[in-house]
Amino acid sequence: IDLAIVRKLLEETFARKPQLVESNLQAIMLGYDY
């Protein structure tokens, strides 16, 4: 799955709390790399 699409979904989900985007993306990358 294209990670750019995943990031876009995160930005839509946390539109009211943008500070959560990067921390969630970090968690996603931990799963992706593993």
Full PDB file with SEQRES, HELIX, SHEET, SSBOND, CRYST1, ORIGX, SCALE, CONECT and MASTER records, all heavy atoms in Angstrom:
SEQRES   1 A   34  ILE ASP LEU ALA ILE VAL ARG LYS LEU LEU GLU GLU THR          
SEQRES   2 A   34  PHE ALA ARG LYS PRO GLN LEU VAL GLU SER ASN LEU GLN          
SEQRES   3 A   34  ALA ILE MET LEU GLY TYR ASP TYR                              
HELIX    1 AA1 LEU A    3  THR A   13  1                                  11    
HELIX    2 AA2 GLN A   19  ASP A   33  1                                  15    
CRYST1    1.000    1.000    1.000  90.00  90.00  90.00 P 1           1          
ORIGX1      1.000000  0.000000  0.000000        0.00000                         
ORIGX2      0.000000  1.000000  0.000000        0.00000                         
ORIGX3      0.000000  0.000000  1.000000        0.00000                         
SCALE1      1.000000  0.000000  0.000000        0.00000                         
SCALE2      0.000000  1.000000  0.000000        0.00000                         
SCALE3      0.000000  0.000000  1.000000        0.00000                         
ATOM      1  N   ILE A   1       0.855  -1.191   0.000  1.00  0.00           N  
ATOM      2  CA  ILE A   1       0.000   0.000   0.000  1.00  0.00           C  
ATOM      3  C   ILE A   1       0.890   1.239   0.000  1.00  0.00           C  
ATOM      4  O   ILE A   1       1.851   1.338   0.766  1.00  0.00           O  
ATOM      5  CB  ILE A   1      -0.923   0.016   1.237  1.00  0.00           C  
ATOM      6  CG1 ILE A   1      -1.845  -1.218   1.207  1.00  0.00           C  
ATOM      7  CG2 ILE A   1      -1.754   1.283   1.298  1.00  0.00           C  
ATOM      8  CD1 ILE A   1      -2.678  -1.374   2.470  1.00  0.00           C  
ATOM      9  N   ASP A   2       0.555   2.188  -0.839  1.00  0.00           N  
ATOM     10  CA  ASP A   2       1.313   3.425  -0.961  1.00  0.00           C  
ATOM     11  C   ASP A   2       1.263   4.191   0.356  1.00  0.00           C  
ATOM     12  O   ASP A   2       0.195   4.571   0.833  1.00  0.00           O  
ATOM     13  CB  ASP A   2       0.722   4.264  -2.095  1.00  0.00           C  
ATOM     14  CG  ASP A   2       1.570   5.489  -2.418  1.00  0.00           C  
ATOM     15  OD1 ASP A   2       2.458   5.826  -1.616  1.00  0.00           O  
ATOM     16  OD2 ASP A   2       1.316   6.105  -3.474  1.00  0.00           O  
ATOM     17  N   LEU A   3       2.437   4.453   0.941  1.00  0.00           N  
ATOM     18  CA  LEU A   3       2.473   5.155   2.225  1.00  0.00           C  
ATOM     19  C   LEU A   3       2.005   6.593   2.104  1.00  0.00           C  
ATOM     20  O   LEU A   3       1.560   7.193   3.098  1.00  0.00           O  
ATOM     21  CB  LEU A   3       3.893   5.112   2.801  1.00  0.00           C  
ATOM     22  CG  LEU A   3       4.349   3.741   3.325  1.00  0.00           C  
ATOM     23  CD1 LEU A   3       5.795   3.816   3.786  1.00  0.00           C  
ATOM     24  CD2 LEU A   3       3.451   3.273   4.464  1.00  0.00           C  
ATOM     25  N   ALA A   4       2.073   7.169   0.911  1.00  0.00           N  
ATOM     26  CA  ALA A   4       1.551   8.522   0.727  1.00  0.00           C  
ATOM     27  C   ALA A   4       0.051   8.561   0.968  1.00  0.00           C  
ATOM     28  O   ALA A   4      -0.487   9.530   1.518  1.00  0.00           O  
ATOM     29  CB  ALA A   4       1.882   9.025  -0.677  1.00  0.00           C  
ATOM     30  N   ILE A   5      -0.649   7.479   0.565  1.00  0.00           N  
ATOM     31  CA  ILE A   5      -2.088   7.395   0.798  1.00  0.00           C  
ATOM     32  C   ILE A   5      -2.367   7.247   2.290  1.00  0.00           C  
ATOM     33  O   ILE A   5      -3.289   7.858   2.832  1.00  0.00           O  
ATOM     34  CB  ILE A   5      -2.686   6.205   0.008  1.00  0.00           C  
ATOM     35  CG1 ILE A   5      -2.540   6.441  -1.494  1.00  0.00           C  
ATOM     36  CG2 ILE A   5      -4.149   5.986   0.372  1.00  0.00           C  
ATOM     37  CD1 ILE A   5      -2.992   5.279  -2.350  1.00  0.00           C  
ATOM     38  N   VAL A   6      -1.524   6.452   2.969  1.00  0.00           N  
ATOM     39  CA  VAL A   6      -1.697   6.267   4.410  1.00  0.00           C  
ATOM     40  C   VAL A   6      -1.535   7.603   5.131  1.00  0.00           C  
ATOM     41  O   VAL A   6      -2.314   7.939   6.032  1.00  0.00           O  
ATOM     42  CB  VAL A   6      -0.686   5.233   4.941  1.00  0.00           C  
ATOM     43  CG1 VAL A   6      -0.789   5.123   6.463  1.00  0.00           C  
ATOM     44  CG2 VAL A   6      -0.931   3.865   4.298  1.00  0.00           C  
ATOM     45  N   ARG A   7      -0.531   8.356   4.736  1.00  0.00           N  
ATOM     46  CA  ARG A   7      -0.313   9.655   5.377  1.00  0.00           C  
ATOM     47  C   ARG A   7      -1.499  10.585   5.132  1.00  0.00           C  
ATOM     48  O   ARG A   7      -1.944  11.309   6.041  1.00  0.00           O  
ATOM     49  CB  ARG A   7       0.979  10.296   4.859  1.00  0.00           C  
ATOM     50  CG  ARG A   7       1.284  11.603   5.571  1.00  0.00           C  
ATOM     51  CD  ARG A   7       2.532  12.296   5.056  1.00  0.00           C  
ATOM     52  NE  ARG A   7       2.786  13.501   5.837  1.00  0.00           N  
ATOM     53  CZ  ARG A   7       3.580  13.564   6.898  1.00  0.00           C  
ATOM     54  NH1 ARG A   7       4.226  12.464   7.303  1.00  0.00           N  
ATOM     55  NH2 ARG A   7       3.734  14.687   7.559  1.00  0.00           N  
ATOM     56  N   LYS A   8      -2.027  10.581   3.920  1.00  0.00           N  
ATOM     57  CA  LYS A   8      -3.178  11.433   3.616  1.00  0.00           C  
ATOM     58  C   LYS A   8      -4.376  11.078   4.497  1.00  0.00           C  
ATOM     59  O   LYS A   8      -5.085  11.950   5.002  1.00  0.00           O  
ATOM     60  CB  LYS A   8      -3.551  11.300   2.136  1.00  0.00           C  
ATOM     61  CG  LYS A   8      -4.702  12.209   1.723  1.00  0.00           C  
ATOM     62  CD  LYS A   8      -5.019  12.053   0.243  1.00  0.00           C  
ATOM     63  CE  LYS A   8      -6.181  12.962  -0.150  1.00  0.00           C  
ATOM     64  NZ  LYS A   8      -6.524  12.815  -1.601  1.00  0.00           N  
ATOM     65  N   LEU A   9      -4.584   9.770   4.702  1.00  0.00           N  
ATOM     66  CA  LEU A   9      -5.679   9.328   5.560  1.00  0.00           C  
ATOM     67  C   LEU A   9      -5.457   9.788   6.998  1.00  0.00           C  
ATOM     68  O   LEU A   9      -6.408  10.173   7.700  1.00  0.00           O  
ATOM     69  CB  LEU A   9      -5.813   7.804   5.503  1.00  0.00           C  
ATOM     70  CG  LEU A   9      -6.355   7.227   4.195  1.00  0.00           C  
ATOM     71  CD1 LEU A   9      -6.261   5.710   4.201  1.00  0.00           C  
ATOM     72  CD2 LEU A   9      -7.805   7.655   3.988  1.00  0.00           C  
ATOM     73  N   LEU A  10      -4.218   9.739   7.456  1.00  0.00           N  
ATOM     74  CA  LEU A  10      -3.918  10.218   8.809  1.00  0.00           C  
ATOM     75  C   LEU A  10      -4.227  11.709   8.937  1.00  0.00           C  
ATOM     76  O   LEU A  10      -4.803  12.152   9.936  1.00  0.00           O  
ATOM     77  CB  LEU A  10      -2.451   9.969   9.141  1.00  0.00           C  
ATOM     78  CG  LEU A  10      -2.051   8.553   9.574  1.00  0.00           C  
ATOM     79  CD1 LEU A  10      -0.542   8.484   9.781  1.00  0.00           C  
ATOM     80  CD2 LEU A  10      -2.772   8.143  10.853  1.00  0.00           C  
ATOM     81  N   GLU A  11      -3.848  12.471   7.924  1.00  0.00           N  
ATOM     82  CA  GLU A  11      -4.104  13.908   7.963  1.00  0.00           C  
ATOM     83  C   GLU A  11      -5.600  14.205   7.977  1.00  0.00           C  
ATOM     84  O   GLU A  11      -6.053  15.150   8.631  1.00  0.00           O  
ATOM     85  CB  GLU A  11      -3.426  14.576   6.771  1.00  0.00           C  
ATOM     86  CG  GLU A  11      -1.895  14.560   6.863  1.00  0.00           C  
ATOM     87  CD  GLU A  11      -1.227  15.035   5.593  1.00  0.00           C  
ATOM     88  OE1 GLU A  11      -1.942  15.165   4.570  1.00  0.00           O  
ATOM     89  OE2 GLU A  11       0.001  15.260   5.612  1.00  0.00           O  
ATOM     90  N   GLU A  12      -6.399  13.391   7.252  1.00  0.00           N  
ATOM     91  CA  GLU A  12      -7.849  13.578   7.258  1.00  0.00           C  
ATOM     92  C   GLU A  12      -8.438  13.179   8.616  1.00  0.00           C  
ATOM     93  O   GLU A  12      -9.309  13.860   9.163  1.00  0.00           O  
ATOM     94  CB  GLU A  12      -8.490  12.750   6.150  1.00  0.00           C  
ATOM     95  CG  GLU A  12      -8.165  13.238   4.751  1.00  0.00           C  
ATOM     96  CD  GLU A  12      -8.755  12.338   3.681  1.00  0.00           C  
ATOM     97  OE1 GLU A  12      -9.342  11.289   4.043  1.00  0.00           O  
ATOM     98  OE2 GLU A  12      -8.632  12.669   2.487  1.00  0.00           O  
ATOM     99  N   THR A  13      -7.929  12.069   9.165  1.00  0.00           N  
ATOM    100  CA  THR A  13      -8.461  11.561  10.434  1.00  0.00           C  
ATOM    101  C   THR A  13      -8.178  12.533  11.571  1.00  0.00           C  
ATOM    102  O   THR A  13      -9.041  12.764  12.436  1.00  0.00           O  
ATOM    103  CB  THR A  13      -7.842  10.187  10.751  1.00  0.00           C  
ATOM    104  OG1 THR A  13      -8.135   9.282   9.687  1.00  0.00           O  
ATOM    105  CG2 THR A  13      -8.404   9.639  12.064  1.00  0.00           C  
ATOM    106  N   PHE A  14      -6.975  13.093  11.577  1.00  0.00           N  
ATOM    107  CA  PHE A  14      -6.581  13.973  12.679  1.00  0.00           C  
ATOM    108  C   PHE A  14      -6.535  15.443  12.241  1.00  0.00           C  
ATOM    109  O   PHE A  14      -5.675  16.207  12.670  1.00  0.00           O  
ATOM    110  CB  PHE A  14      -5.216  13.542  13.226  1.00  0.00           C  
ATOM    111  CG  PHE A  14      -5.213  12.159  13.812  1.00  0.00           C  
ATOM    112  CD1 PHE A  14      -4.521  11.129  13.178  1.00  0.00           C  
ATOM    113  CD2 PHE A  14      -5.908  11.880  14.977  1.00  0.00           C  
ATOM    114  CE1 PHE A  14      -4.527   9.845  13.707  1.00  0.00           C  
ATOM    115  CE2 PHE A  14      -5.908  10.600  15.512  1.00  0.00           C  
ATOM    116  CZ  PHE A  14      -5.228   9.573  14.884  1.00  0.00           C  
ATOM    117  N   ALA A  15      -7.490  15.809  11.386  1.00  0.00           N  
ATOM    118  CA  ALA A  15      -7.516  17.184  10.881  1.00  0.00           C  
ATOM    119  C   ALA A  15      -7.635  18.197  12.015  1.00  0.00           C  
ATOM    120  O   ALA A  15      -7.093  19.297  11.946  1.00  0.00           O  
ATOM    121  CB  ALA A  15      -8.668  17.353   9.893  1.00  0.00           C  
ATOM    122  N   ARG A  16      -8.350  17.818  13.081  1.00  0.00           N  
ATOM    123  CA  ARG A  16      -8.528  18.737  14.205  1.00  0.00           C  
ATOM    124  C   ARG A  16      -7.400  18.619  15.230  1.00  0.00           C  
ATOM    125  O   ARG A  16      -7.318  19.437  16.147  1.00  0.00           O  
ATOM    126  CB  ARG A  16      -9.871  18.462  14.884  1.00  0.00           C  
ATOM    127  CG  ARG A  16     -11.084  18.743  13.981  1.00  0.00           C  
ATOM    128  CD  ARG A  16     -12.378  18.540  14.742  1.00  0.00           C  
ATOM    129  NE  ARG A  16     -13.547  18.829  13.904  1.00  0.00           N  
ATOM    130  CZ  ARG A  16     -14.815  18.747  14.348  1.00  0.00           C  
ATOM    131  NH1 ARG A  16     -15.049  18.397  15.605  1.00  0.00           N  
ATOM    132  NH2 ARG A  16     -15.813  19.019  13.526  1.00  0.00           N  
ATOM    133  N   LYS A  17      -6.566  17.600  15.085  1.00  0.00           N  
ATOM    134  CA  LYS A  17      -5.445  17.415  16.011  1.00  0.00           C  
ATOM    135  C   LYS A  17      -4.191  17.076  15.193  1.00  0.00           C  
ATOM    136  O   LYS A  17      -3.674  15.958  15.254  1.00  0.00           O  
ATOM    137  CB  LYS A  17      -5.746  16.301  17.012  1.00  0.00           C  
ATOM    138  CG  LYS A  17      -6.941  16.591  17.917  1.00  0.00           C  
ATOM    139  CD  LYS A  17      -7.190  15.440  18.880  1.00  0.00           C  
ATOM    140  CE  LYS A  17      -8.369  15.731  19.796  1.00  0.00           C  
ATOM    141  NZ  LYS A  17      -8.629  14.609  20.748  1.00  0.00           N  
ATOM    142  N   PRO A  18      -3.711  18.026  14.398  1.00  0.00           N  
ATOM    143  CA  PRO A  18      -2.593  17.733  13.485  1.00  0.00           C  
ATOM    144  C   PRO A  18      -1.322  17.280  14.195  1.00  0.00           C  
ATOM    145  O   PRO A  18      -0.475  16.620  13.588  1.00  0.00           O  
ATOM    146  CB  PRO A  18      -2.385  19.077  12.768  1.00  0.00           C  
ATOM    147  CG  PRO A  18      -3.013  20.100  13.659  1.00  0.00           C  
ATOM    148  CD  PRO A  18      -4.162  19.421  14.319  1.00  0.00           C  
ATOM    149  N   GLN A  19      -1.204  17.587  15.494  1.00  0.00           N  
ATOM    150  CA  GLN A  19       0.000  17.186  16.216  1.00  0.00           C  
ATOM    151  C   GLN A  19       0.098  15.668  16.373  1.00  0.00           C  
ATOM    152  O   GLN A  19       1.178  15.143  16.696  1.00  0.00           O  
ATOM    153  CB  GLN A  19       0.049  17.853  17.608  1.00  0.00           C  
ATOM    154  CG  GLN A  19      -0.997  17.372  18.595  1.00  0.00           C  
ATOM    155  CD  GLN A  19      -2.341  18.077  18.459  1.00  0.00           C  
ATOM    156  OE1 GLN A  19      -2.583  18.752  17.456  1.00  0.00           O  
ATOM    157  NE2 GLN A  19      -3.191  17.938  19.466  1.00  0.00           N  
ATOM    158  N   LEU A  20      -1.012  14.970  16.130  1.00  0.00           N  
ATOM    159  CA  LEU A  20      -1.018  13.508  16.270  1.00  0.00           C  
ATOM    160  C   LEU A  20      -0.574  12.798  14.996  1.00  0.00           C  
ATOM    161  O   LEU A  20      -0.352  11.588  15.012  1.00  0.00           O  
ATOM    162  CB  LEU A  20      -2.409  13.015  16.674  1.00  0.00           C  
ATOM    163  CG  LEU A  20      -2.926  13.448  18.051  1.00  0.00           C  
ATOM    164  CD1 LEU A  20      -4.335  12.925  18.274  1.00  0.00           C  
ATOM    165  CD2 LEU A  20      -2.000  12.936  19.149  1.00  0.00           C  
ATOM    166  N   VAL A  21      -0.458  13.528  13.881  1.00  0.00           N  
ATOM    167  CA  VAL A  21      -0.136  12.889  12.608  1.00  0.00           C  
ATOM    168  C   VAL A  21       1.249  12.261  12.648  1.00  0.00           C  
ATOM    169  O   VAL A  21       1.429  11.082  12.314  1.00  0.00           O  
ATOM    170  CB  VAL A  21      -0.242  13.900  11.448  1.00  0.00           C  
ATOM    171  CG1 VAL A  21       0.260  13.260  10.149  1.00  0.00           C  
ATOM    172  CG2 VAL A  21      -1.687  14.363  11.284  1.00  0.00           C  
ATOM    173  N   GLU A  22       2.246  13.003  13.068  1.00  0.00           N  
ATOM    174  CA  GLU A  22       3.610  12.506  13.025  1.00  0.00           C  
ATOM    175  C   GLU A  22       3.825  11.337  13.978  1.00  0.00           C  
ATOM    176  O   GLU A  22       4.517  10.365  13.649  1.00  0.00           O  
ATOM    177  CB  GLU A  22       4.588  13.634  13.343  1.00  0.00           C  
ATOM    178  CG  GLU A  22       4.684  14.692  12.252  1.00  0.00           C  
ATOM    179  CD  GLU A  22       5.083  14.100  10.912  1.00  0.00           C  
ATOM    180  OE1 GLU A  22       5.898  13.147  10.892  1.00  0.00           O  
ATOM    181  OE2 GLU A  22       4.565  14.576   9.881  1.00  0.00           O  
ATOM    182  N   SER A  23       3.239  11.398  15.173  1.00  0.00           N  
ATOM    183  CA  SER A  23       3.421  10.306  16.127  1.00  0.00           C  
ATOM    184  C   SER A  23       2.763   9.023  15.626  1.00  0.00           C  
ATOM    185  O   SER A  23       3.316   7.927  15.782  1.00  0.00           O  
ATOM    186  CB  SER A  23       2.868  10.694  17.501  1.00  0.00           C  
ATOM    187  OG  SER A  23       1.510  11.090  17.394  1.00  0.00           O  
ATOM    188  N   ASN A  24       1.604   9.146  14.995  1.00  0.00           N  
ATOM    189  CA  ASN A  24       0.943   7.964  14.440  1.00  0.00           C  
ATOM    190  C   ASN A  24       1.709   7.434  13.238  1.00  0.00           C  
ATOM    191  O   ASN A  24       1.804   6.219  13.038  1.00  0.00           O  
ATOM    192  CB  ASN A  24      -0.501   8.291  14.045  1.00  0.00           C  
ATOM    193  CG  ASN A  24      -1.468   8.191  15.212  1.00  0.00           C  
ATOM    194  OD1 ASN A  24      -1.987   7.123  15.515  1.00  0.00           O  
ATOM    195  ND2 ASN A  24      -1.692   9.296  15.894  1.00  0.00           N  
ATOM    196  N   LEU A  25       2.249   8.340  12.441  1.00  0.00           N  
ATOM    197  CA  LEU A  25       3.030   7.902  11.295  1.00  0.00           C  
ATOM    198  C   LEU A  25       4.287   7.160  11.751  1.00  0.00           C  
ATOM    199  O   LEU A  25       4.706   6.175  11.133  1.00  0.00           O  
ATOM    200  CB  LEU A  25       3.410   9.106  10.424  1.00  0.00           C  
ATOM    201  CG  LEU A  25       4.078   8.776   9.095  1.00  0.00           C  
ATOM    202  CD1 LEU A  25       3.163   7.912   8.233  1.00  0.00           C  
ATOM    203  CD2 LEU A  25       4.458  10.047   8.352  1.00  0.00           C  
ATOM    204  N   GLN A  26       4.860   7.612  12.858  1.00  0.00           N  
ATOM    205  CA  GLN A  26       6.024   6.912  13.399  1.00  0.00           C  
ATOM    206  C   GLN A  26       5.657   5.488  13.811  1.00  0.00           C  
ATOM    207  O   GLN A  26       6.409   4.537  13.550  1.00  0.00           O  
ATOM    208  CB  GLN A  26       6.582   7.686  14.594  1.00  0.00           C  
ATOM    209  CG  GLN A  26       7.848   7.063  15.180  1.00  0.00           C  
ATOM    210  CD  GLN A  26       8.382   7.856  16.357  1.00  0.00           C  
ATOM    211  OE1 GLN A  26       7.893   8.933  16.663  1.00  0.00           O  
ATOM    212  NE2 GLN A  26       9.401   7.315  17.018  1.00  0.00           N  
ATOM    213  N   ALA A  27       4.499   5.337  14.438  1.00  0.00           N  
ATOM    214  CA  ALA A  27       4.041   4.001  14.836  1.00  0.00           C  
ATOM    215  C   ALA A  27       3.801   3.125  13.610  1.00  0.00           C  
ATOM    216  O   ALA A  27       4.124   1.924  13.593  1.00  0.00           O  
ATOM    217  CB  ALA A  27       2.768   4.115  15.673  1.00  0.00           C  
ATOM    218  N   ILE A  28       3.253   3.721  12.565  1.00  0.00           N  
ATOM    219  CA  ILE A  28       3.012   2.974  11.329  1.00  0.00           C  
ATOM    220  C   ILE A  28       4.338   2.501  10.727  1.00  0.00           C  
ATOM    221  O   ILE A  28       4.455   1.360  10.272  1.00  0.00           O  
ATOM    222  CB  ILE A  28       2.225   3.856  10.332  1.00  0.00           C  
ATOM    223  CG1 ILE A  28       0.760   3.970  10.782  1.00  0.00           C  
ATOM    224  CG2 ILE A  28       2.301   3.278   8.917  1.00  0.00           C  
ATOM    225  CD1 ILE A  28      -0.063   4.924   9.965  1.00  0.00           C  
ATOM    226  N   MET A  29       5.335   3.369  10.740  1.00  0.00           N  
ATOM    227  CA  MET A  29       6.625   2.997  10.159  1.00  0.00           C  
ATOM    228  C   MET A  29       7.305   1.891  10.963  1.00  0.00           C  
ATOM    229  O   MET A  29       8.032   1.064  10.403  1.00  0.00           O  
ATOM    230  CB  MET A  29       7.527   4.220  10.072  1.00  0.00           C  
ATOM    231  CG  MET A  29       7.070   5.251   9.037  1.00  0.00           C  
ATOM    232  SD  MET A  29       6.743   4.516   7.401  1.00  0.00           S  
ATOM    233  CE  MET A  29       8.350   3.806   7.003  1.00  0.00           C  
ATOM    234  N   LEU A  30       7.077   1.869  12.283  1.00  0.00           N  
ATOM    235  CA  LEU A  30       7.620   0.766  13.083  1.00  0.00           C  
ATOM    236  C   LEU A  30       7.043  -0.558  12.617  1.00  0.00           C  
ATOM    237  O   LEU A  30       7.754  -1.557  12.477  1.00  0.00           O  
ATOM    238  CB  LEU A  30       7.313   0.993  14.570  1.00  0.00           C  
ATOM    239  CG  LEU A  30       8.092   2.114  15.267  1.00  0.00           C  
ATOM    240  CD1 LEU A  30       7.530   2.348  16.676  1.00  0.00           C  
ATOM    241  CD2 LEU A  30       9.574   1.755  15.356  1.00  0.00           C  
ATOM    242  N   GLY A  31       5.747  -0.583  12.376  1.00  0.00           N  
ATOM    243  CA  GLY A  31       5.120  -1.804  11.872  1.00  0.00           C  
ATOM    244  C   GLY A  31       5.577  -2.131  10.469  1.00  0.00           C  
ATOM    245  O   GLY A  31       5.818  -3.302  10.131  1.00  0.00           O  
ATOM    246  N   TYR A  32       5.698  -1.093   9.632  1.00  0.00           N  
ATOM    247  CA  TYR A  32       6.117  -1.298   8.238  1.00  0.00           C  
ATOM    248  C   TYR A  32       7.529  -1.888   8.177  1.00  0.00           C  
ATOM    249  O   TYR A  32       7.777  -2.880   7.477  1.00  0.00           O  
ATOM    250  CB  TYR A  32       6.075   0.050   7.513  1.00  0.00           C  
ATOM    251  CG  TYR A  32       6.380  -0.027   6.038  1.00  0.00           C  
ATOM    252  CD1 TYR A  32       5.349  -0.129   5.114  1.00  0.00           C  
ATOM    253  CD2 TYR A  32       7.689   0.010   5.563  1.00  0.00           C  
ATOM    254  CE1 TYR A  32       5.611  -0.186   3.758  1.00  0.00           C  
ATOM    255  CE2 TYR A  32       7.970  -0.056   4.211  1.00  0.00           C  
ATOM    256  CZ  TYR A  32       6.923  -0.159   3.310  1.00  0.00           C  
ATOM    257  OH  TYR A  32       7.180  -0.231   1.962  1.00  0.00           O  
ATOM    258  N   ASP A  33       8.457  -1.285   8.920  1.00  0.00           N  
ATOM    259  CA  ASP A  33       9.847  -1.751   8.895  1.00  0.00           C  
ATOM    260  C   ASP A  33       9.977  -3.161   9.468  1.00  0.00           C  
ATOM    261  O   ASP A  33      10.752  -3.985   8.952  1.00  0.00           O  
ATOM    262  CB  ASP A  33      10.731  -0.785   9.694  1.00  0.00           C  
ATOM    263  CG  ASP A  33      10.847   0.575   9.007  1.00  0.00           C  
ATOM    264  OD1 ASP A  33      10.572   0.654   7.795  1.00  0.00           O  
ATOM    265  OD2 ASP A  33      11.180   1.561   9.702  1.00  0.00           O  
ATOM    266  N   TYR A  34       9.193  -3.453  10.520  1.00  0.00           N  
ATOM    267  CA  TYR A  34       9.280  -4.801  11.112  1.00  0.00           C  
ATOM    268  C   TYR A  34       8.811  -5.854  10.111  1.00  0.00           C  
ATOM    269  O   TYR A  34       9.458  -6.897   9.944  1.00  0.00           O  
ATOM    270  CB  TYR A  34       8.428  -4.873  12.382  1.00  0.00           C  
ATOM    271  CG  TYR A  34       8.510  -6.223  13.055  1.00  0.00           C  
ATOM    272  CD1 TYR A  34       9.511  -6.516  13.980  1.00  0.00           C  
ATOM    273  CD2 TYR A  34       7.605  -7.240  12.733  1.00  0.00           C  
ATOM    274  CE1 TYR A  34       9.606  -7.760  14.578  1.00  0.00           C  
ATOM    275  CE2 TYR A  34       7.691  -8.496  13.319  1.00  0.00           C  
ATOM    276  CZ  TYR A  34       8.691  -8.750  14.250  1.00  0.00           C  
ATOM    277  OH  TYR A  34       8.791  -9.988  14.828  1.00  0.00           O  
TER     278      TYR A  34                                                      
MASTER        0    0    0    2    0    0    0    6  277    1    0    3          
END                                                                             
